Amino acid sequence: LDSVMNYPLRTAIIDFATGRINAWDFVRLIKHRAEVYPAPFRYSLMNLVGSHDRPRALNMLIDRGCMDMPKADQQWVHLTVDEYELAVKRYKMAIDLLCALPGCPTVYYGDEAGLCGCHDPWNRRPFPWGKEDPELMAHFRQLGQLRKACPALKKGNIEFFKSDDRRIGFTRTDGRSKVRIYLNRGSEPWEIASGKILFGHNIRTLAPDTIVLGQKGFCVIEEA
């Protein structure tokens, strides 16, 4: 057996994105995975947020899985504009983490396009050709390009240097490159040391050596 579907990570990412757990609890789970899985196995884990046997990720991220509803009624569950907007913000944060952590990031078809739905079979609707969310699709393309181009994100060791209530900071290092990763779930800005930004959003430059990470901000910085 080379790998398994990493459902414990999925639960932790969703719980952190929705505020059910803090950063310290999230980091504790990641470190526990490192303790129980040998490195070759851990780096091939199928990391996921969406899945064929769970409600759609966007629904889960705003507690609209509707598991207690009769299955026939679940087909009529649709997210409001405000619910969808909140779900997408949280989903971007979830996918940022998924692509920054050790393992193989995996996307359930349609999640990258903004497909919603409750439990099976409503999570298996056809791909929304022509109705994709262009902003969400662009986010996925940029993250995919980053992951492909950065060896440290694929094979690098991980070391956490920040984990408090709503902030996570860690490095990924291999023999050729080192990157610093920051994620701010909170509403308060987070000042961090600047550098060569490989990917980021909700950030602004404060000074030549300092940038500010805003609410739900994410940043990957390459170290020289």
Protein backbone atom coordinates (compact mmCIF):
# COMPACT_ATOMS: atom_id res chain seq x y z
CA LEU A 1 0.00 0.00 0.00
CA ASP A 2 1.61 3.26 -1.14
CA SER A 3 -0.90 5.69 0.29
CA VAL A 4 -4.38 6.34 1.67
CA MET A 5 -6.93 9.15 1.49
CA ASN A 6 -5.94 11.61 4.20
CA TYR A 7 -9.32 12.20 5.83
CA PRO A 8 -7.84 13.33 9.19
CA LEU A 9 -6.14 16.21 7.36
CA ARG A 10 -9.37 17.04 5.53
CA THR A 11 -11.23 17.28 8.82
CA ALA A 12 -8.50 19.44 10.35
CA ILE A 13 -8.38 21.84 7.39
CA ILE A 14 -12.16 22.29 7.36
CA ASP A 15 -12.24 22.72 11.14
CA PHE A 16 -9.48 25.32 11.04
CA ALA A 17 -11.01 27.21 8.10
CA THR A 18 -14.38 27.37 9.87
CA GLY A 19 -12.94 28.31 13.26
CA ARG A 20 -13.77 25.08 15.09
CA ILE A 21 -10.12 24.60 16.03
CA ASN A 22 -7.23 27.03 16.42
CA ALA A 23 -3.86 27.00 14.71
CA TRP A 24 -2.17 25.18 17.59
CA ASP A 25 -4.61 22.25 17.34
CA PHE A 26 -4.15 22.14 13.58
CA VAL A 27 -0.36 22.06 13.85
CA ARG A 28 -0.55 19.37 16.52
CA LEU A 29 -2.41 17.10 14.07
CA ILE A 30 0.17 17.72 11.32
CA LYS A 31 2.99 16.84 13.70
CA HIS A 32 1.12 13.72 14.81
CA ARG A 33 0.88 12.60 11.16
CA ALA A 34 4.65 12.95 10.93
CA GLU A 35 5.05 10.73 13.98
CA VAL A 36 2.80 7.88 12.84
CA TYR A 37 3.60 7.78 9.10
CA PRO A 38 7.07 7.05 7.67
CA ALA A 39 8.27 9.88 5.45
CA PRO A 40 7.90 8.06 2.07
CA PHE A 41 4.32 7.16 2.96
CA ARG A 42 3.47 10.60 4.35
CA TYR A 43 4.74 12.39 1.25
CA SER A 44 2.49 10.26 -0.96
CA LEU A 45 -0.66 10.69 1.12
CA MET A 46 -3.72 11.65 -0.91
CA ASN A 47 -4.47 15.02 0.68
CA LEU A 48 -7.99 16.24 -0.02
CA VAL A 49 -10.75 18.63 1.01
CA GLY A 50 -13.50 17.49 -1.35
CA SER A 51 -14.46 13.84 -1.85
CA HIS A 52 -16.91 11.63 -3.71
CA ASP A 53 -18.47 10.36 -0.47
CA ARG A 54 -18.86 13.65 1.39
CA PRO A 55 -20.93 16.81 0.76
CA ARG A 56 -19.18 19.29 -1.49
CA ALA A 57 -16.34 21.26 0.08
CA LEU A 58 -18.09 24.62 -0.35
CA ASN A 59 -21.14 23.28 1.49
CA MET A 60 -19.04 21.83 4.29
CA LEU A 61 -17.17 25.09 4.78
CA ILE A 62 -20.35 26.92 5.76
CA ASP A 63 -22.06 24.01 7.55
CA ARG A 64 -24.52 23.37 4.71
CA GLY A 65 -23.87 19.67 4.29
CA CYS A 66 -27.47 19.12 5.43
CA MET A 67 -26.76 15.57 6.56
CA ASP A 68 -29.87 15.56 8.76
CA MET A 69 -32.22 16.30 5.84
CA PRO A 70 -33.96 13.58 3.81
CA LYS A 71 -31.84 12.82 0.77
CA ALA A 72 -34.62 13.76 -1.62
CA ASP A 73 -34.83 17.23 -0.06
CA GLN A 74 -31.09 17.82 -0.26
CA GLN A 75 -31.30 18.38 -4.01
CA TRP A 76 -33.06 21.70 -3.38
CA VAL A 77 -30.32 23.09 -1.15
CA HIS A 78 -28.55 25.99 -2.86
CA LEU A 79 -26.14 28.50 -1.37
CA THR A 80 -27.12 32.14 -1.26
CA VAL A 81 -24.78 34.72 -2.77
CA ASP A 82 -23.43 35.63 0.67
CA GLU A 83 -23.01 31.97 1.65
CA TYR A 84 -21.15 31.21 -1.55
CA GLU A 85 -18.85 34.21 -1.11
CA LEU A 86 -17.93 33.14 2.42
CA ALA A 87 -17.48 29.52 1.34
CA VAL A 88 -15.09 30.51 -1.47
CA LYS A 89 -12.97 32.65 0.89
CA ARG A 90 -12.65 29.72 3.27
CA TYR A 91 -12.07 27.27 0.43
CA LYS A 92 -9.16 29.30 -0.93
CA MET A 93 -7.60 29.20 2.52
CA ALA A 94 -8.17 25.44 2.69
CA ILE A 95 -6.60 24.86 -0.72
CA ASP A 96 -3.66 27.13 0.14
CA LEU A 97 -2.91 24.85 3.08
CA LEU A 98 -3.50 21.70 1.06
CA CYS A 99 -0.91 22.71 -1.54
CA ALA A 100 1.64 23.91 1.03
CA LEU A 101 1.71 20.80 3.23
CA PRO A 102 3.53 17.49 2.62
CA GLY A 103 1.57 14.99 0.55
CA CYS A 104 -0.18 14.95 -2.82
CA PRO A 105 -2.87 17.66 -3.09
CA THR A 106 -5.97 16.22 -4.76
CA VAL A 107 -9.04 18.05 -6.04
CA TYR A 108 -12.44 16.44 -6.48
CA TYR A 109 -13.74 17.38 -9.92
CA GLY A 110 -15.87 20.51 -9.96
CA ASP A 111 -14.62 21.90 -6.65
CA GLU A 112 -12.18 24.10 -8.57
CA ALA A 113 -15.11 25.47 -10.58
CA GLY A 114 -17.35 26.29 -7.61
CA LEU A 115 -19.65 23.26 -7.76
CA CYS A 116 -21.87 22.88 -4.69
CA GLY A 117 -24.04 20.06 -3.40
CA CYS A 118 -25.06 18.00 -0.40
CA HIS A 119 -24.33 14.31 0.08
CA ASP A 120 -24.32 11.60 -2.59
CA PRO A 121 -25.81 11.79 -5.21
CA TRP A 122 -26.04 15.60 -5.07
CA ASN A 123 -22.26 15.89 -4.75
CA ARG A 124 -21.89 14.12 -8.12
CA ARG A 125 -23.62 16.61 -10.38
CA PRO A 126 -22.08 17.19 -13.83
CA PHE A 127 -19.18 19.59 -14.21
CA PRO A 128 -20.59 23.12 -14.74
CA TRP A 129 -19.21 23.68 -18.21
CA GLY A 130 -19.53 27.35 -19.17
CA LYS A 131 -20.54 28.33 -15.64
CA GLU A 132 -17.21 27.91 -13.85
CA ASP A 133 -16.14 30.45 -11.23
CA PRO A 134 -13.29 32.20 -13.11
CA GLU A 135 -11.68 33.68 -9.99
CA LEU A 136 -11.61 30.32 -8.23
CA MET A 137 -10.29 28.59 -11.35
CA ALA A 138 -7.48 31.16 -11.61
CA HIS A 139 -6.57 30.57 -7.97
CA PHE A 140 -6.19 26.86 -8.63
CA ARG A 141 -4.06 27.42 -11.73
CA GLN A 142 -1.67 29.70 -9.85
CA LEU A 143 -1.34 27.27 -6.96
CA GLY A 144 -0.77 24.37 -9.34
CA GLN A 145 1.96 26.28 -11.16
CA LEU A 146 3.58 27.17 -7.83
CA ARG A 147 3.52 23.59 -6.60
CA LYS A 148 5.00 22.34 -9.88
CA ALA A 149 7.79 24.93 -9.93
CA CYS A 150 8.82 24.75 -6.26
CA PRO A 151 10.72 21.57 -5.25
CA ALA A 152 10.49 22.44 -1.54
CA LEU A 153 6.68 22.26 -1.63
CA LYS A 154 6.78 18.80 -3.18
CA LYS A 155 9.55 17.10 -1.22
CA GLY A 156 10.80 19.50 1.42
CA ASN A 157 10.89 19.00 5.17
CA ILE A 158 8.41 20.99 7.21
CA GLU A 159 9.15 23.04 10.34
CA PHE A 160 6.58 25.19 12.14
CA PHE A 161 7.67 28.49 13.65
CA LYS A 162 4.25 30.02 14.37
CA SER A 163 0.98 28.57 15.62
CA ASP A 164 -1.33 30.60 17.80
CA ASP A 165 -5.05 31.16 17.71
CA ARG A 166 -5.41 32.12 14.05
CA ARG A 167 -1.94 32.29 12.51
CA ILE A 168 0.24 29.56 11.04
CA GLY A 169 3.83 29.91 9.86
CA PHE A 170 6.14 27.18 8.64
CA THR A 171 9.05 26.47 6.32
CA ARG A 172 9.47 23.83 3.62
CA THR A 173 13.09 22.98 2.86
CA ASP A 174 14.86 20.63 0.53
CA GLY A 175 18.43 20.57 -0.81
CA ARG A 176 17.74 23.16 -3.49
CA SER A 177 15.26 25.62 -2.03
CA LYS A 178 13.60 26.93 1.11
CA VAL A 179 10.30 28.76 1.40
CA ARG A 180 8.44 30.42 4.26
CA ILE A 181 4.67 30.01 4.34
CA TYR A 182 2.28 32.24 6.26
CA LEU A 183 -1.49 31.99 6.69
CA ASN A 184 -3.62 34.45 8.65
CA ARG A 185 -7.15 33.29 9.44
CA GLY A 186 -7.78 36.23 11.77
CA SER A 187 -9.06 39.73 11.11
CA GLU A 188 -6.01 41.49 12.58
CA PRO A 189 -3.13 42.25 10.15
CA TRP A 190 0.10 40.29 10.57
CA GLU A 191 3.44 41.94 9.84
CA ILE A 192 6.01 39.53 8.42
CA ALA A 193 9.50 39.73 6.96
CA SER A 194 9.53 40.39 3.25
CA GLY A 195 11.38 38.53 0.53
CA LYS A 196 10.76 37.11 -2.94
CA ILE A 197 7.01 36.45 -3.01
CA LEU A 198 6.23 33.35 -5.06
CA PHE A 199 2.50 33.44 -4.37
CA GLY A 200 0.17 35.39 -2.16
CA HIS A 201 -3.11 37.18 -1.71
CA ASN A 202 -4.53 39.72 0.74
CA ILE A 203 -1.06 41.17 1.25
CA ARG A 204 0.45 44.66 0.97
CA THR A 205 3.92 46.14 1.31
CA LEU A 206 4.53 48.12 4.49
CA ALA A 207 8.27 48.76 4.08
CA PRO A 208 11.09 47.34 1.93
CA ASP A 209 11.67 44.58 4.48
CA THR A 210 8.10 44.15 5.80
CA ILE A 211 4.77 43.08 4.33
CA VAL A 212 1.35 42.87 5.94
CA LEU A 213 -0.83 39.80 5.69
CA GLY A 214 -4.52 40.72 5.89
CA GLN A 215 -7.59 38.69 6.81
CA LYS A 216 -7.45 35.19 5.26
CA GLY A 217 -4.15 36.23 3.74
CA PHE A 218 -1.65 33.68 2.47
CA CYS A 219 1.92 34.08 1.34
CA VAL A 220 4.79 31.91 0.10
CA ILE A 221 8.21 33.59 0.28
CA GLU A 222 11.41 32.15 -1.14
CA GLU A 223 14.53 32.51 0.97
CA ALA A 224 17.82 33.33 -0.70
